[in-house]
Amino acid sequence: VEEIETACFEAHRGKLLIATHCESTEGMKEALLGGVDTIEHGAEITDELIPLFKNNPKSLRGYTTVVPTISAGMGLATLPIKVTKITQIKRENAKLIEIGMIKALQRAYKEEIKFGVGTDASVPYVPHYEVWKELKYLIKYTDMTAQEAIYFATKNNAEVIGVDDITGCIEVGNRESEIITNGVILIQNIVQDK
């Protein structure tokens, strides 16, 4: 934890956010105690970790976000081994990681822990243009609506990376959003299988 804390302290002195890659509950705990600002991927969020996400005095903004990347493990966890060409052990590991990321998403949503939407694009079976699948997973694994999924992918993501003062939603003074009225309807139809 000491090394994480030192890295975060130095970055925060320069007003820089720190992101970290965690796929275990213990890894998330160490990252939270060290003061990271955002945890990518995630794992099961225990009761002990909830207050650390919501109130993290060592993080730059006083809280830590999580960005579950459901797409990242889905291919290796679900596609046939003859397609992925991985061993059964690697497949079982991918399934465990996938379950952990889904649990992170579900707990973050339920407990109102700030979270973002990401895919970990460029990992096997996750091309850059498939964020829409991540939106579908948000809806599939939680009670959220298509509108909420779009909100988390735009406004929340802008907050996660600290650019919400210039983008993330359509409002006066912000750059034009990539998603305009017709685009919102299109995305809603895609994520709702219409």
Protein backbone atom coordinates (compact mmCIF):
# COMPACT_ATOMS: atom_id res chain seq x y z
CA VAL A 1 0.00 0.00 0.00
CA GLU A 2 2.88 2.38 0.75
CA GLU A 3 4.07 2.44 -2.87
CA ILE A 4 0.52 3.08 -4.12
CA GLU A 5 0.08 5.86 -1.57
CA THR A 6 3.35 7.51 -2.63
CA ALA A 7 2.47 7.34 -6.34
CA CYS A 8 -0.99 8.79 -5.65
CA PHE A 9 0.40 11.55 -3.43
CA GLU A 10 2.88 12.66 -6.10
CA ALA A 11 0.27 12.54 -8.89
CA HIS A 12 -2.27 14.41 -6.79
CA ARG A 13 0.25 17.18 -6.07
CA GLY A 14 0.15 17.79 -9.82
CA LYS A 15 -3.68 17.50 -9.89
CA LEU A 16 -3.46 14.23 -11.86
CA LEU A 17 -5.89 11.37 -11.39
CA ILE A 18 -4.57 7.85 -10.80
CA ALA A 19 -6.23 4.82 -12.41
CA THR A 20 -5.36 1.27 -11.48
CA HIS A 21 -6.07 -2.20 -12.81
CA CYS A 22 -7.64 -4.47 -10.15
CA GLU A 23 -9.34 -7.83 -10.55
CA SER A 24 -9.53 -8.92 -6.90
CA THR A 25 -11.22 -7.60 -3.78
CA GLU A 26 -7.87 -7.49 -1.96
CA GLY A 27 -6.30 -5.54 -4.83
CA MET A 28 -9.15 -3.03 -4.71
CA LYS A 29 -8.74 -2.63 -0.95
CA GLU A 30 -5.03 -1.87 -1.31
CA ALA A 31 -5.73 0.57 -4.15
CA LEU A 32 -8.42 2.33 -2.12
CA LEU A 33 -6.20 2.58 0.96
CA GLY A 34 -3.45 4.00 -1.24
CA GLY A 35 -5.73 6.73 -2.60
CA VAL A 36 -6.35 5.78 -6.24
CA ASP A 37 -9.02 7.76 -8.05
CA THR A 38 -10.46 5.08 -10.31
CA ILE A 39 -10.32 1.29 -10.34
CA GLU A 40 -10.55 -0.37 -13.73
CA HIS A 41 -12.24 -3.80 -14.02
CA GLY A 42 -13.01 -4.45 -10.36
CA ALA A 43 -14.14 -7.43 -8.33
CA GLU A 44 -16.69 -8.12 -5.64
CA ILE A 45 -17.18 -4.97 -3.54
CA THR A 46 -17.49 -5.98 0.11
CA ASP A 47 -19.27 -4.01 2.83
CA GLU A 48 -15.85 -2.91 4.10
CA LEU A 49 -14.99 -1.27 0.77
CA ILE A 50 -18.19 0.73 0.22
CA PRO A 51 -17.23 3.62 2.55
CA LEU A 52 -13.72 3.72 1.03
CA PHE A 53 -15.20 4.23 -2.44
CA LYS A 54 -17.62 6.92 -1.28
CA ASN A 55 -15.28 8.79 1.05
CA ASN A 56 -11.61 8.37 0.23
CA PRO A 57 -9.64 11.24 1.75
CA LYS A 58 -6.44 10.14 0.01
CA SER A 59 -7.97 10.35 -3.48
CA LEU A 60 -7.81 13.61 -5.41
CA ARG A 61 -11.57 14.25 -5.31
CA GLY A 62 -12.39 12.59 -2.00
CA TYR A 63 -13.97 9.50 -3.59
CA THR A 64 -12.91 6.62 -5.83
CA THR A 65 -14.77 5.34 -8.86
CA VAL A 66 -14.91 1.87 -10.38
CA VAL A 67 -15.10 1.10 -14.10
CA PRO A 68 -16.32 -2.50 -14.50
CA THR A 69 -15.38 -3.69 -17.97
CA ILE A 70 -17.84 -6.52 -18.52
CA SER A 71 -16.88 -6.87 -22.19
CA ALA A 72 -13.24 -7.48 -21.29
CA GLY A 73 -13.76 -10.98 -19.95
CA MET A 74 -16.94 -11.97 -21.74
CA GLY A 75 -15.29 -13.39 -24.86
CA LEU A 76 -12.77 -15.60 -23.08
CA ALA A 77 -15.39 -16.65 -20.50
CA THR A 78 -18.15 -17.58 -22.95
CA LEU A 79 -16.79 -18.35 -26.42
CA PRO A 80 -15.90 -21.98 -27.18
CA ILE A 81 -12.30 -22.97 -26.42
CA LYS A 82 -11.88 -24.03 -30.05
CA VAL A 83 -12.41 -20.36 -30.95
CA THR A 84 -10.37 -18.73 -28.17
CA LYS A 85 -7.62 -21.38 -28.19
CA ILE A 86 -7.05 -20.95 -24.45
CA THR A 87 -6.64 -23.69 -21.87
CA GLN A 88 -9.50 -24.78 -19.62
CA ILE A 89 -7.64 -23.25 -16.65
CA LYS A 90 -7.46 -19.85 -18.39
CA ARG A 91 -11.15 -20.13 -19.30
CA GLU A 92 -12.10 -20.82 -15.67
CA ASN A 93 -9.96 -17.87 -14.56
CA ALA A 94 -11.71 -15.65 -17.13
CA LYS A 95 -15.08 -16.78 -15.76
CA LEU A 96 -14.05 -15.87 -12.19
CA ILE A 97 -12.82 -12.45 -13.28
CA GLU A 98 -16.00 -11.91 -15.31
CA ILE A 99 -18.18 -12.78 -12.32
CA GLY A 100 -16.16 -10.38 -10.15
CA MET A 101 -16.62 -7.50 -12.61
CA ILE A 102 -20.37 -8.16 -12.82
CA LYS A 103 -20.58 -8.17 -9.01
CA ALA A 104 -18.63 -4.88 -8.91
CA LEU A 105 -21.10 -3.32 -11.34
CA GLN A 106 -24.12 -4.60 -9.43
CA ARG A 107 -22.86 -3.43 -6.05
CA ALA A 108 -21.70 -0.05 -7.36
CA TYR A 109 -25.11 0.55 -8.93
CA LYS A 110 -27.03 -0.62 -5.83
CA GLU A 111 -24.88 1.30 -3.33
CA GLU A 112 -24.60 4.44 -5.50
CA ILE A 113 -20.84 4.20 -5.81
CA LYS A 114 -19.77 6.39 -8.71
CA PHE A 115 -18.85 4.22 -11.66
CA GLY A 116 -17.95 4.61 -15.27
CA VAL A 117 -18.47 2.57 -18.41
CA GLY A 118 -15.54 0.99 -20.21
CA THR A 119 -14.72 -1.98 -22.40
CA ASP A 120 -10.95 -2.44 -22.13
CA ALA A 121 -10.99 -2.23 -25.93
CA SER A 122 -8.29 -4.16 -27.76
CA VAL A 123 -8.28 -7.14 -25.42
CA PRO A 124 -9.26 -10.35 -27.25
CA TYR A 125 -12.77 -10.15 -28.74
CA VAL A 126 -13.31 -6.51 -27.70
CA PRO A 127 -13.00 -4.13 -30.66
CA HIS A 128 -13.02 -0.36 -30.10
CA TYR A 129 -16.45 0.15 -31.65
CA GLU A 130 -18.49 -2.08 -29.31
CA VAL A 131 -19.30 0.21 -26.39
CA TRP A 132 -22.94 -0.51 -27.21
CA LYS A 133 -22.43 -4.06 -25.91
CA GLU A 134 -21.23 -2.67 -22.58
CA LEU A 135 -24.46 -0.64 -22.38
CA LYS A 136 -26.44 -3.84 -22.96
CA TYR A 137 -24.53 -5.54 -20.14
CA LEU A 138 -25.32 -2.64 -17.79
CA ILE A 139 -29.02 -3.20 -18.44
CA LYS A 140 -28.77 -7.01 -18.36
CA TYR A 141 -26.96 -7.25 -15.02
CA THR A 142 -28.70 -4.40 -13.14
CA ASP A 143 -32.14 -2.81 -12.99
CA MET A 144 -31.05 0.25 -14.95
CA THR A 145 -32.90 1.61 -17.95
CA ALA A 146 -31.42 2.40 -21.35
CA GLN A 147 -31.52 6.09 -20.44
CA GLU A 148 -29.52 5.44 -17.27
CA ALA A 149 -26.97 3.36 -19.20
CA ILE A 150 -26.49 6.26 -21.61
CA TYR A 151 -26.13 8.65 -18.66
CA PHE A 152 -23.43 6.48 -17.07
CA ALA A 153 -21.58 6.22 -20.40
CA THR A 154 -21.64 9.98 -21.00
CA LYS A 155 -22.12 12.22 -17.95
CA ASN A 156 -20.68 9.80 -15.40
CA ASN A 157 -17.71 8.93 -17.62
CA ALA A 158 -16.94 12.62 -18.07
CA GLU A 159 -16.94 12.99 -14.27
CA VAL A 160 -14.78 9.87 -13.82
CA ILE A 161 -12.02 11.32 -16.00
CA GLY A 162 -12.50 14.90 -14.82
CA VAL A 163 -13.77 16.57 -18.00
CA ASP A 164 -17.41 17.06 -17.00
CA ASP A 165 -16.97 20.84 -17.12
CA ILE A 166 -16.61 20.66 -20.92
CA THR A 167 -18.41 17.50 -22.05
CA GLY A 168 -20.58 14.59 -20.98
CA CYS A 169 -24.02 16.02 -21.62
CA ILE A 170 -25.83 18.42 -23.89
CA GLU A 171 -25.99 21.78 -22.14
CA VAL A 172 -25.04 25.36 -22.82
CA GLY A 173 -21.30 25.85 -22.51
CA ASN A 174 -20.34 22.22 -23.07
CA ARG A 175 -18.92 20.89 -26.30
CA GLU A 176 -21.52 19.22 -28.46
CA SER A 177 -22.20 15.72 -27.27
CA GLU A 178 -21.53 12.82 -29.60
CA ILE A 179 -25.02 11.63 -28.77
CA ILE A 180 -27.74 13.93 -30.06
CA THR A 181 -31.49 13.38 -29.97
CA ASN A 182 -31.61 10.92 -32.88
CA GLY A 183 -28.49 9.22 -31.59
CA VAL A 184 -30.06 8.72 -28.17
CA ILE A 185 -33.08 7.07 -29.75
CA LEU A 186 -30.80 4.85 -31.85
CA ILE A 187 -28.75 3.78 -28.82
CA GLN A 188 -31.89 3.15 -26.77
CA ASN A 189 -33.19 0.89 -29.54
CA ILE A 190 -29.87 -0.97 -29.77
CA VAL A 191 -29.55 -1.62 -26.05
CA GLN A 192 -33.21 -2.62 -25.77
CA ASP A 193 -32.98 -4.96 -28.82
CA LYS A 194 -35.59 -3.04 -30.84
